[in-house]
PDB file of all heavy atoms in Angstrom:
ATOM      1  N   ILE A   1      22.400   2.902 -23.609  1.00  0.00           N
ATOM      2  CA  ILE A   1      21.654   3.543 -22.528  1.00  0.00           C
ATOM      3  C   ILE A   1      21.664   2.600 -21.329  1.00  0.00           C
ATOM      4  O   ILE A   1      21.192   1.461 -21.424  1.00  0.00           O
ATOM      5  CB  ILE A   1      20.201   3.847 -22.945  1.00  0.00           C
ATOM      6  CG1 ILE A   1      20.178   4.680 -24.223  1.00  0.00           C
ATOM      7  CG2 ILE A   1      19.461   4.569 -21.824  1.00  0.00           C
ATOM      8  CD1 ILE A   1      18.788   4.851 -24.798  1.00  0.00           C
ATOM      9  N   ARG A   2      22.219   3.055 -20.236  1.00  0.00           N
ATOM     10  CA  ARG A   2      22.188   2.282 -18.993  1.00  0.00           C
ATOM     11  C   ARG A   2      21.031   2.804 -18.155  1.00  0.00           C
ATOM     12  O   ARG A   2      20.938   4.006 -17.872  1.00  0.00           O
ATOM     13  CB  ARG A   2      23.497   2.399 -18.239  1.00  0.00           C
ATOM     14  CG  ARG A   2      23.443   1.797 -16.850  1.00  0.00           C
ATOM     15  CD  ARG A   2      24.799   1.765 -16.188  1.00  0.00           C
ATOM     16  NE  ARG A   2      25.667   0.784 -16.824  1.00  0.00           N
ATOM     17  CZ  ARG A   2      26.880   0.476 -16.353  1.00  0.00           C
ATOM     18  NH1 ARG A   2      27.351   1.076 -15.276  1.00  0.00           N
ATOM     19  NH2 ARG A   2      27.612  -0.428 -16.967  1.00  0.00           N
ATOM     20  N   LEU A   3      20.151   1.894 -17.738  1.00  0.00           N
ATOM     21  CA  LEU A   3      18.942   2.269 -17.010  1.00  0.00           C
ATOM     22  C   LEU A   3      18.944   1.662 -15.618  1.00  0.00           C
ATOM     23  O   LEU A   3      19.272   0.488 -15.445  1.00  0.00           O
ATOM     24  CB  LEU A   3      17.686   1.772 -17.749  1.00  0.00           C
ATOM     25  CG  LEU A   3      17.331   2.456 -19.071  1.00  0.00           C
ATOM     26  CD1 LEU A   3      16.137   1.751 -19.685  1.00  0.00           C
ATOM     27  CD2 LEU A   3      17.035   3.915 -18.863  1.00  0.00           C
ATOM     28  N   LYS A   4      18.556   2.470 -14.663  1.00  0.00           N
ATOM     29  CA  LYS A   4      18.263   1.988 -13.319  1.00  0.00           C
ATOM     30  C   LYS A   4      16.753   2.127 -13.155  1.00  0.00           C
ATOM     31  O   LYS A   4      16.242   3.238 -13.013  1.00  0.00           O
ATOM     32  CB  LYS A   4      19.012   2.803 -12.263  1.00  0.00           C
ATOM     33  CG  LYS A   4      18.880   2.244 -10.853  1.00  0.00           C
ATOM     34  CD  LYS A   4      19.697   3.062  -9.870  1.00  0.00           C
ATOM     35  CE  LYS A   4      19.692   2.429  -8.497  1.00  0.00           C
ATOM     36  NZ  LYS A   4      20.368   1.120  -8.474  1.00  0.00           N
ATOM     37  N   VAL A   5      16.047   1.003 -13.198  1.00  0.00           N
ATOM     38  CA  VAL A   5      14.579   0.996 -13.260  1.00  0.00           C
ATOM     39  C   VAL A   5      14.023   0.413 -11.965  1.00  0.00           C
ATOM     40  O   VAL A   5      14.549  -0.582 -11.445  1.00  0.00           O
ATOM     41  CB  VAL A   5      14.078   0.173 -14.476  1.00  0.00           C
ATOM     42  CG1 VAL A   5      12.577   0.316 -14.629  1.00  0.00           C
ATOM     43  CG2 VAL A   5      14.772   0.648 -15.736  1.00  0.00           C
ATOM     44  N   ARG A   6      12.926   1.037 -11.483  1.00  0.00           N
ATOM     45  CA  ARG A   6      12.271   0.562 -10.261  1.00  0.00           C
ATOM     46  C   ARG A   6      10.755   0.661 -10.436  1.00  0.00           C
ATOM     47  O   ARG A   6      10.140   1.648 -10.077  1.00  0.00           O
ATOM     48  CB  ARG A   6      12.722   1.391  -9.056  1.00  0.00           C
ATOM     49  CG  ARG A   6      12.239   0.853  -7.708  1.00  0.00           C
ATOM     50  CD  ARG A   6      12.846   1.665  -6.590  1.00  0.00           C
ATOM     51  NE  ARG A   6      12.512   1.120  -5.296  1.00  0.00           N
ATOM     52  CZ  ARG A   6      11.457   1.490  -4.571  1.00  0.00           C
ATOM     53  NH1 ARG A   6      10.642   2.422  -5.044  1.00  0.00           N
ATOM     54  NH2 ARG A   6      11.222   0.945  -3.407  1.00  0.00           N
ATOM     55  N   PRO A   7      10.121  -0.367 -11.015  1.00  0.00           N
ATOM     56  CA  PRO A   7       8.657  -0.366 -11.121  1.00  0.00           C
ATOM     57  C   PRO A   7       8.021  -0.898  -9.832  1.00  0.00           C
ATOM     58  O   PRO A   7       8.596  -1.745  -9.132  1.00  0.00           O
ATOM     59  CB  PRO A   7       8.385  -1.300 -12.308  1.00  0.00           C
ATOM     60  CG  PRO A   7       9.550  -2.245 -12.301  1.00  0.00           C
ATOM     61  CD  PRO A   7      10.725  -1.481 -11.765  1.00  0.00           C
ATOM     62  N   GLU A   8       6.818  -0.419  -9.550  1.00  0.00           N
ATOM     63  CA  GLU A   8       6.107  -0.833  -8.334  1.00  0.00           C
ATOM     64  C   GLU A   8       4.608  -0.750  -8.579  1.00  0.00           C
ATOM     65  O   GLU A   8       4.118   0.212  -9.182  1.00  0.00           O
ATOM     66  CB  GLU A   8       6.503   0.072  -7.167  1.00  0.00           C
ATOM     67  CG  GLU A   8       5.754  -0.212  -5.875  1.00  0.00           C
ATOM     68  CD  GLU A   8       6.156   0.738  -4.766  1.00  0.00           C
ATOM     69  OE1 GLU A   8       7.366   0.980  -4.606  1.00  0.00           O
ATOM     70  OE2 GLU A   8       5.258   1.252  -4.063  1.00  0.00           O
ATOM     71  N   VAL A   9       3.892  -1.756  -8.122  1.00  0.00           N
ATOM     72  CA  VAL A   9       2.431  -1.801  -8.207  1.00  0.00           C
ATOM     73  C   VAL A   9       1.893  -2.083  -6.815  1.00  0.00           C
ATOM     74  O   VAL A   9       2.276  -3.085  -6.192  1.00  0.00           O
ATOM     75  CB  VAL A   9       1.943  -2.873  -9.207  1.00  0.00           C
ATOM     76  CG1 VAL A   9       0.421  -2.939  -9.211  1.00  0.00           C
ATOM     77  CG2 VAL A   9       2.466  -2.579 -10.606  1.00  0.00           C
ATOM     78  N   SER A  10       1.035  -1.219  -6.312  1.00  0.00           N
ATOM     79  CA  SER A  10       0.469  -1.392  -4.974  1.00  0.00           C
ATOM     80  C   SER A  10      -1.035  -1.157  -5.029  1.00  0.00           C
ATOM     81  O   SER A  10      -1.528  -0.377  -5.844  1.00  0.00           O
ATOM     82  CB  SER A  10       1.116  -0.423  -3.975  1.00  0.00           C
ATOM     83  OG  SER A  10       0.937   0.919  -4.394  1.00  0.00           O
ATOM     84  N   SER A  11      -1.757  -1.849  -4.161  1.00  0.00           N
ATOM     85  CA  SER A  11      -3.210  -1.732  -4.082  1.00  0.00           C
ATOM     86  C   SER A  11      -3.636  -1.796  -2.620  1.00  0.00           C
ATOM     87  O   SER A  11      -2.903  -2.300  -1.766  1.00  0.00           O
ATOM     88  CB  SER A  11      -3.900  -2.845  -4.893  1.00  0.00           C
ATOM     89  OG  SER A  11      -3.500  -4.123  -4.416  1.00  0.00           O
ATOM     90  N   LEU A  12      -4.837  -1.284  -2.344  1.00  0.00           N
ATOM     91  CA  LEU A  12      -5.350  -1.241  -0.979  1.00  0.00           C
ATOM     92  C   LEU A  12      -5.828  -2.618  -0.542  1.00  0.00           C
ATOM     93  O   LEU A  12      -6.426  -3.359  -1.325  1.00  0.00           O
ATOM     94  CB  LEU A  12      -6.484  -0.225  -0.875  1.00  0.00           C
ATOM     95  CG  LEU A  12      -6.140   1.219  -1.236  1.00  0.00           C
ATOM     96  CD1 LEU A  12      -7.358   2.109  -1.087  1.00  0.00           C
ATOM     97  CD2 LEU A  12      -5.004   1.731  -0.376  1.00  0.00           C
ATOM     98  N   ASP A  13      -5.575  -2.954   0.711  1.00  0.00           N
ATOM     99  CA  ASP A  13      -5.974  -4.230   1.296  1.00  0.00           C
ATOM    100  C   ASP A  13      -6.689  -3.945   2.616  1.00  0.00           C
ATOM    101  O   ASP A  13      -6.052  -3.708   3.643  1.00  0.00           O
ATOM    102  CB  ASP A  13      -4.749  -5.112   1.521  1.00  0.00           C
ATOM    103  CG  ASP A  13      -5.123  -6.475   2.111  1.00  0.00           C
ATOM    104  OD1 ASP A  13      -6.315  -6.815   2.070  1.00  0.00           O
ATOM    105  OD2 ASP A  13      -4.221  -7.169   2.610  1.00  0.00           O
ATOM    106  N   TYR A  14      -8.023  -3.936   2.566  1.00  0.00           N
ATOM    107  CA  TYR A  14      -8.802  -3.644   3.772  1.00  0.00           C
ATOM    108  C   TYR A  14      -8.873  -4.836   4.713  1.00  0.00           C
ATOM    109  O   TYR A  14      -9.162  -4.662   5.899  1.00  0.00           O
ATOM    110  CB  TYR A  14     -10.211  -3.197   3.376  1.00  0.00           C
ATOM    111  CG  TYR A  14     -10.245  -1.795   2.819  1.00  0.00           C
ATOM    112  CD1 TYR A  14     -10.155  -1.579   1.444  1.00  0.00           C
ATOM    113  CD2 TYR A  14     -10.346  -0.694   3.650  1.00  0.00           C
ATOM    114  CE1 TYR A  14     -10.184  -0.289   0.923  1.00  0.00           C
ATOM    115  CE2 TYR A  14     -10.371   0.598   3.137  1.00  0.00           C
ATOM    116  CZ  TYR A  14     -10.298   0.788   1.776  1.00  0.00           C
ATOM    117  OH  TYR A  14     -10.316   2.061   1.257  1.00  0.00           O
ATOM    118  N   ASN A  15      -8.655  -6.043   4.213  1.00  0.00           N
ATOM    119  CA  ASN A  15      -8.727  -7.212   5.083  1.00  0.00           C
ATOM    120  C   ASN A  15      -7.639  -7.193   6.148  1.00  0.00           C
ATOM    121  O   ASN A  15      -7.840  -7.679   7.270  1.00  0.00           O
ATOM    122  CB  ASN A  15      -8.624  -8.493   4.252  1.00  0.00           C
ATOM    123  CG  ASN A  15      -9.808  -8.669   3.322  1.00  0.00           C
ATOM    124  OD1 ASN A  15     -10.916  -8.238   3.638  1.00  0.00           O
ATOM    125  ND2 ASN A  15      -9.574  -9.278   2.173  1.00  0.00           N
ATOM    126  N   ASN A  16      -6.477  -6.676   5.824  1.00  0.00           N
ATOM    127  CA  ASN A  16      -5.363  -6.624   6.767  1.00  0.00           C
ATOM    128  C   ASN A  16      -5.150  -5.227   7.348  1.00  0.00           C
ATOM    129  O   ASN A  16      -4.097  -4.930   7.888  1.00  0.00           O
ATOM    130  CB  ASN A  16      -4.070  -7.080   6.085  1.00  0.00           C
ATOM    131  CG  ASN A  16      -4.134  -8.523   5.642  1.00  0.00           C
ATOM    132  OD1 ASN A  16      -4.635  -9.378   6.364  1.00  0.00           O
ATOM    133  ND2 ASN A  16      -3.634  -8.799   4.443  1.00  0.00           N
ATOM    134  N   GLY A  17      -6.142  -4.349   7.212  1.00  0.00           N
ATOM    135  CA  GLY A  17      -6.031  -3.004   7.737  1.00  0.00           C
ATOM    136  C   GLY A  17      -6.233  -2.955   9.240  1.00  0.00           C
ATOM    137  O   GLY A  17      -6.497  -3.968   9.908  1.00  0.00           O
ATOM    138  N   VAL A  18      -6.097  -1.765   9.795  1.00  0.00           N
ATOM    139  CA  VAL A  18      -6.264  -1.541  11.228  1.00  0.00           C
ATOM    140  C   VAL A  18      -7.258  -0.406  11.428  1.00  0.00           C
ATOM    141  O   VAL A  18      -7.506   0.410  10.531  1.00  0.00           O
ATOM    142  CB  VAL A  18      -4.920  -1.207  11.908  1.00  0.00           C
ATOM    143  CG1 VAL A  18      -3.952  -2.368  11.805  1.00  0.00           C
ATOM    144  CG2 VAL A  18      -4.301   0.047  11.313  1.00  0.00           C
ATOM    145  N   THR A  19      -7.822  -0.366  12.645  1.00  0.00           N
ATOM    146  CA  THR A  19      -8.748   0.698  13.024  1.00  0.00           C
ATOM    147  C   THR A  19      -8.097   1.548  14.104  1.00  0.00           C
ATOM    148  O   THR A  19      -7.682   1.031  15.142  1.00  0.00           O
ATOM    149  CB  THR A  19     -10.074   0.116  13.535  1.00  0.00           C
ATOM    150  OG1 THR A  19     -10.648  -0.708  12.504  1.00  0.00           O
ATOM    151  CG2 THR A  19     -11.051   1.225  13.883  1.00  0.00           C
ATOM    152  N   LEU A  20      -7.983   2.859  13.853  1.00  0.00           N
ATOM    153  CA  LEU A  20      -7.338   3.776  14.779  1.00  0.00           C
ATOM    154  C   LEU A  20      -8.213   4.999  14.951  1.00  0.00           C
ATOM    155  O   LEU A  20      -8.519   5.707  13.979  1.00  0.00           O
ATOM    156  CB  LEU A  20      -5.951   4.187  14.241  1.00  0.00           C
ATOM    157  CG  LEU A  20      -5.164   5.199  15.075  1.00  0.00           C
ATOM    158  CD1 LEU A  20      -4.839   4.611  16.444  1.00  0.00           C
ATOM    159  CD2 LEU A  20      -3.896   5.610  14.351  1.00  0.00           C
ATOM    160  N   GLU A  21      -8.640   5.232  16.226  1.00  0.00           N
ATOM    161  CA  GLU A  21      -9.466   6.387  16.567  1.00  0.00           C
ATOM    162  C   GLU A  21     -10.720   6.460  15.679  1.00  0.00           C
ATOM    163  O   GLU A  21     -11.139   7.538  15.257  1.00  0.00           O
ATOM    164  CB  GLU A  21      -8.651   7.676  16.420  1.00  0.00           C
ATOM    165  CG  GLU A  21      -7.460   7.782  17.355  1.00  0.00           C
ATOM    166  CD  GLU A  21      -7.880   7.933  18.808  1.00  0.00           C
ATOM    167  OE1 GLU A  21      -8.985   8.435  19.050  1.00  0.00           O
ATOM    168  OE2 GLU A  21      -7.091   7.540  19.691  1.00  0.00           O
ATOM    169  N   GLY A  22     -11.272   5.295  15.399  1.00  0.00           N
ATOM    170  CA  GLY A  22     -12.486   5.254  14.589  1.00  0.00           C
ATOM    171  C   GLY A  22     -12.251   5.295  13.098  1.00  0.00           C
ATOM    172  O   GLY A  22     -13.213   5.239  12.319  1.00  0.00           O
ATOM    173  N   PHE A  23     -11.009   5.381  12.657  1.00  0.00           N
ATOM    174  CA  PHE A  23     -10.690   5.418  11.238  1.00  0.00           C
ATOM    175  C   PHE A  23     -10.231   4.033  10.792  1.00  0.00           C
ATOM    176  O   PHE A  23      -9.418   3.398  11.462  1.00  0.00           O
ATOM    177  CB  PHE A  23      -9.580   6.436  10.940  1.00  0.00           C
ATOM    178  CG  PHE A  23      -9.964   7.854  11.225  1.00  0.00           C
ATOM    179  CD1 PHE A  23      -9.679   8.420  12.458  1.00  0.00           C
ATOM    180  CD2 PHE A  23     -10.602   8.620  10.273  1.00  0.00           C
ATOM    181  CE1 PHE A  23     -10.014   9.732  12.731  1.00  0.00           C
ATOM    182  CE2 PHE A  23     -10.946   9.927  10.533  1.00  0.00           C
ATOM    183  CZ  PHE A  23     -10.660  10.492  11.769  1.00  0.00           C
ATOM    184  N   ARG A  24     -10.746   3.601   9.661  1.00  0.00           N
ATOM    185  CA  ARG A  24     -10.335   2.333   9.070  1.00  0.00           C
ATOM    186  C   ARG A  24      -9.185   2.603   8.110  1.00  0.00           C
ATOM    187  O   ARG A  24      -9.347   3.259   7.070  1.00  0.00           O
ATOM    188  CB  ARG A  24     -11.501   1.685   8.324  1.00  0.00           C
ATOM    189  CG  ARG A  24     -11.178   0.318   7.715  1.00  0.00           C
ATOM    190  CD  ARG A  24     -10.897  -0.711   8.791  1.00  0.00           C
ATOM    191  NE  ARG A  24     -10.681  -2.036   8.226  1.00  0.00           N
ATOM    192  CZ  ARG A  24     -10.320  -3.088   8.926  1.00  0.00           C
ATOM    193  NH1 ARG A  24     -10.139  -2.967  10.237  1.00  0.00           N
ATOM    194  NH2 ARG A  24     -10.147  -4.267   8.354  1.00  0.00           N
ATOM    195  N   ILE A  25      -7.979   2.117   8.450  1.00  0.00           N
ATOM    196  CA  ILE A  25      -6.783   2.371   7.653  1.00  0.00           C
ATOM    197  C   ILE A  25      -6.421   1.089   6.919  1.00  0.00           C
ATOM    198  O   ILE A  25      -6.124   0.077   7.557  1.00  0.00           O
ATOM    199  CB  ILE A  25      -5.617   2.824   8.538  1.00  0.00           C
ATOM    200  CG1 ILE A  25      -6.031   4.031   9.383  1.00  0.00           C
ATOM    201  CG2 ILE A  25      -4.406   3.160   7.690  1.00  0.00           C
ATOM    202  CD1 ILE A  25      -4.997   4.437  10.380  1.00  0.00           C
ATOM    203  N   PRO A  26      -6.429   1.101   5.598  1.00  0.00           N
ATOM    204  CA  PRO A  26      -6.108  -0.129   4.863  1.00  0.00           C
ATOM    205  C   PRO A  26      -4.608  -0.389   4.832  1.00  0.00           C
ATOM    206  O   PRO A  26      -3.783   0.513   5.005  1.00  0.00           O
ATOM    207  CB  PRO A  26      -6.643   0.161   3.453  1.00  0.00           C
ATOM    208  CG  PRO A  26      -6.531   1.652   3.322  1.00  0.00           C
ATOM    209  CD  PRO A  26      -6.790   2.211   4.698  1.00  0.00           C
ATOM    210  N   ALA A  27      -4.285  -1.646   4.600  1.00  0.00           N
ATOM    211  CA  ALA A  27      -2.890  -2.020   4.346  1.00  0.00           C
ATOM    212  C   ALA A  27      -2.614  -1.923   2.847  1.00  0.00           C
ATOM    213  O   ALA A  27      -3.505  -1.601   2.055  1.00  0.00           O
ATOM    214  CB  ALA A  27      -2.620  -3.431   4.859  1.00  0.00           C
ATOM    215  N   LEU A  28      -1.390  -2.178   2.452  1.00  0.00           N
ATOM    216  CA  LEU A  28      -0.994  -2.107   1.056  1.00  0.00           C
ATOM    217  C   LEU A  28      -0.430  -3.450   0.600  1.00  0.00           C
ATOM    218  O   LEU A  28       0.388  -4.053   1.289  1.00  0.00           O
ATOM    219  CB  LEU A  28       0.061  -1.024   0.828  1.00  0.00           C
ATOM    220  CG  LEU A  28      -0.412   0.431   0.859  1.00  0.00           C
ATOM    221  CD1 LEU A  28       0.772   1.371   0.683  1.00  0.00           C
ATOM    222  CD2 LEU A  28      -1.439   0.692  -0.223  1.00  0.00           C
TER     223      LEU A  28
END
């Protein structure tokens, strides 16, 4: 079995987020 695998783990990062039109958008 030949596998092409792509795992990914992401989480929210509010410390590096931005504020746009009053909305707090987190980074990843």
